[in-house]
Amino acid sequence: MITPLRSPVWVTLGCVALVVAGGALLWLPFHTQSALDDWGTELRATGMPARAVVYDRVTKRKTTMHLRYELAGRTYEQEVGCVQVCLSAGDEVSIWANPADPGDFVTDFEQLSGHRGRVQGGLGAVGFVILIFAVPLLLSRVPFGRWFPRRSPAAPVPRTGPYRIRSKYKRSGPR
């Protein structure tokens, strides 16, 4: 007896679900980066401008700059990952802060505060690995033999004697 979950239809649907899940996970970091770019552009247009000072630079796994800035009489401290630019302690940088959340800002070199998109990047890598395994698995489920049958072999040539002579010229009649 065939168990219901091992039938060919369920296995094929599982392969399709893996490909869809892997594709969605791979798409996620690209979508997130696009949304973050749009948010940075919006902050530059509508945010409150300020000057921030780099008061510390920490290197653990990655290098991070710690910024200190003042908005509306309050002092804030936030970190920015060193992705494109990494300033030294004491350097100043222009920022545009979110009026609703002063801890959220964009720098003049287009870097957003905090470490955004790390989780999505990890999920994108997982999606890529899933696709590496799921696509060949799904292609192995496709019945190519049924859709593209092999051509039938040519009809056998009747033998007239002990030897078969192959020639590119046709015979003109019985010999």
Protein backbone atom coordinates (compact mmCIF):
# COMPACT_ATOMS: atom_id res chain seq x y z
CA MET A 1 0.00 0.00 0.00
CA ILE A 2 1.28 3.47 -0.91
CA THR A 3 1.21 5.96 1.91
CA PRO A 4 -0.59 9.18 0.98
CA LEU A 5 2.38 11.46 1.69
CA ARG A 6 4.75 9.46 -0.53
CA SER A 7 2.55 9.54 -3.61
CA PRO A 8 4.13 11.28 -6.61
CA VAL A 9 1.69 14.20 -6.46
CA TRP A 10 2.57 15.11 -2.86
CA VAL A 11 6.29 14.80 -3.48
CA THR A 12 6.03 17.04 -6.54
CA LEU A 13 3.93 19.60 -4.63
CA GLY A 14 6.53 19.54 -1.84
CA CYS A 15 9.28 20.25 -4.40
CA VAL A 16 7.26 23.14 -5.83
CA ALA A 17 6.70 24.51 -2.31
CA LEU A 18 10.46 24.33 -1.63
CA VAL A 19 11.24 26.23 -4.83
CA VAL A 20 8.65 28.90 -4.02
CA ALA A 21 9.91 29.26 -0.43
CA GLY A 22 13.54 29.44 -1.57
CA GLY A 23 12.68 32.04 -4.20
CA ALA A 24 10.78 34.15 -1.67
CA LEU A 25 13.65 34.00 0.81
CA LEU A 26 16.14 34.92 -1.91
CA TRP A 27 13.94 37.86 -2.99
CA LEU A 28 13.61 39.23 0.57
CA PRO A 29 17.02 40.96 0.92
CA PHE A 30 16.64 42.67 -2.46
CA HIS A 31 13.20 43.97 -1.49
CA THR A 32 14.46 45.06 1.93
CA GLN A 33 17.40 46.95 0.43
CA SER A 34 15.07 48.75 -1.97
CA ALA A 35 12.74 49.71 0.91
CA LEU A 36 15.70 50.92 3.00
CA ASP A 37 16.96 53.04 0.10
CA ASP A 38 13.51 54.60 -0.22
CA TRP A 39 13.41 55.26 3.55
CA GLY A 40 16.82 56.95 3.42
CA THR A 41 15.64 59.20 0.59
CA GLU A 42 12.50 60.09 2.55
CA LEU A 43 14.53 60.88 5.69
CA ARG A 44 16.81 63.19 3.72
CA ALA A 45 13.74 65.05 2.42
CA THR A 46 11.63 65.20 5.61
CA GLY A 47 14.09 64.60 8.49
CA MET A 48 15.54 67.11 10.91
CA PRO A 49 19.12 68.02 9.96
CA ALA A 50 21.82 67.76 12.62
CA ARG A 51 25.57 67.31 13.03
CA ALA A 52 26.83 64.16 14.69
CA VAL A 53 30.27 63.46 16.11
CA VAL A 54 31.91 60.05 15.97
CA TYR A 55 32.87 59.39 19.60
CA ASP A 56 33.97 55.75 19.27
CA ARG A 57 34.83 53.15 16.67
CA VAL A 58 34.48 49.49 17.70
CA THR A 59 35.69 46.45 15.79
CA LYS A 60 34.25 43.09 16.81
CA ARG A 61 33.06 41.03 13.88
CA LYS A 62 32.46 44.20 11.90
CA THR A 63 33.54 47.76 12.47
CA THR A 64 30.92 50.09 13.92
CA MET A 65 30.96 53.86 14.45
CA HIS A 66 29.19 55.27 17.51
CA LEU A 67 27.70 58.72 16.90
CA ARG A 68 26.56 61.36 19.36
CA TYR A 69 24.20 64.16 18.27
CA GLU A 70 21.80 66.67 19.73
CA LEU A 71 18.19 67.27 18.66
CA ALA A 72 15.67 69.54 20.36
CA GLY A 73 17.88 69.92 23.42
CA ARG A 74 18.40 66.19 23.98
CA THR A 75 21.58 64.23 23.29
CA TYR A 76 21.30 60.91 21.47
CA GLU A 77 23.80 58.16 20.84
CA GLN A 78 23.44 55.66 18.03
CA GLU A 79 25.64 53.30 16.07
CA VAL A 80 26.22 53.03 12.34
CA GLY A 81 27.85 50.11 10.61
CA CYS A 82 30.98 50.81 8.57
CA VAL A 83 29.77 49.65 5.18
CA GLN A 84 30.94 52.28 2.70
CA VAL A 85 32.56 54.89 4.95
CA CYS A 86 34.26 54.46 8.31
CA LEU A 87 35.19 57.68 10.08
CA SER A 88 37.64 58.10 12.94
CA ALA A 89 36.77 59.28 16.43
CA GLY A 90 36.25 63.05 16.50
CA ASP A 91 35.04 63.36 12.89
CA GLU A 92 31.74 65.12 12.20
CA VAL A 93 29.02 63.92 9.86
CA SER A 94 25.72 65.45 8.70
CA ILE A 95 22.59 63.45 9.53
CA TRP A 96 18.86 63.76 8.96
CA ALA A 97 16.84 62.33 11.87
CA ASN A 98 13.27 61.05 11.88
CA PRO A 99 11.15 63.60 13.84
CA ALA A 100 8.99 60.79 15.27
CA ASP A 101 12.01 58.69 16.32
CA PRO A 102 15.24 60.69 16.76
CA GLY A 103 17.26 57.46 17.01
CA ASP A 104 16.43 56.77 13.36
CA PHE A 105 18.54 58.77 10.90
CA VAL A 106 20.44 58.73 7.62
CA THR A 107 23.96 60.09 7.18
CA ASP A 108 25.26 62.26 4.36
CA PHE A 109 26.94 59.13 2.92
CA GLU A 110 23.53 57.36 2.71
CA GLN A 111 24.04 54.99 5.67
CA LEU A 112 21.03 54.38 7.94
CA SER A 113 21.40 54.13 11.70
CA GLY A 114 21.69 50.72 13.31
CA HIS A 115 22.32 47.46 11.53
CA ARG A 116 19.42 46.96 9.17
CA GLY A 117 18.94 44.09 6.79
CA ARG A 118 21.27 41.59 8.49
CA VAL A 119 18.47 39.10 9.21
CA GLN A 120 17.07 39.48 5.70
CA GLY A 121 20.53 38.90 4.23
CA GLY A 122 20.85 35.68 6.22
CA LEU A 123 17.41 34.55 5.08
CA GLY A 124 18.40 35.32 1.49
CA ALA A 125 21.43 33.04 1.84
CA VAL A 126 19.17 30.29 3.23
CA GLY A 127 16.82 30.79 0.27
CA PHE A 128 19.73 30.43 -2.15
CA VAL A 129 20.80 27.15 -0.55
CA ILE A 130 17.21 25.87 -0.65
CA LEU A 131 17.01 26.72 -4.36
CA ILE A 132 20.29 24.92 -5.07
CA PHE A 133 18.75 21.70 -3.77
CA ALA A 134 15.07 22.23 -4.65
CA VAL A 135 15.38 23.13 -8.35
CA PRO A 136 17.23 19.92 -9.38
CA LEU A 137 14.87 17.94 -7.16
CA LEU A 138 11.87 19.48 -8.90
CA LEU A 139 13.39 18.94 -12.33
CA SER A 140 13.91 15.27 -11.47
CA ARG A 141 10.14 15.01 -10.92
CA VAL A 142 9.30 16.28 -14.43
CA PRO A 143 8.33 13.40 -16.74
CA PHE A 144 10.43 14.46 -19.71
CA GLY A 145 10.17 10.95 -21.20
CA ARG A 146 6.40 11.24 -21.47
CA TRP A 147 6.47 14.75 -22.91
CA PHE A 148 9.39 14.22 -25.27
CA PRO A 149 9.38 10.56 -26.28
CA ARG A 150 12.44 9.10 -27.95
CA ARG A 151 12.30 8.69 -31.67
CA SER A 152 11.57 5.18 -32.84
CA PRO A 153 14.50 3.37 -34.41
CA ALA A 154 14.66 3.14 -38.19
CA ALA A 155 13.00 0.15 -39.84
CA PRO A 156 15.43 -2.75 -40.28
CA VAL A 157 16.81 -3.32 -43.77
CA PRO A 158 16.06 -6.84 -45.05
CA ARG A 159 19.17 -8.89 -45.57
CA THR A 160 19.57 -10.50 -48.98
CA GLY A 161 22.80 -12.35 -48.45
CA PRO A 162 25.44 -13.14 -45.92
CA TYR A 163 26.90 -9.63 -46.17
CA ARG A 164 25.34 -6.23 -45.83
CA ILE A 165 26.71 -3.57 -48.11
CA ARG A 166 26.23 0.01 -47.08
CA SER A 167 26.38 2.55 -49.81
CA LYS A 168 25.26 6.12 -50.19
CA TYR A 169 23.82 5.21 -53.64
CA LYS A 170 20.43 3.60 -54.04
CA ARG A 171 20.07 0.45 -56.00
CA SER A 172 18.38 0.93 -59.31
CA GLY A 173 16.76 -2.46 -59.38
CA PRO A 174 17.12 -6.13 -58.48
CA ARG A 175 20.47 -7.73 -59.06
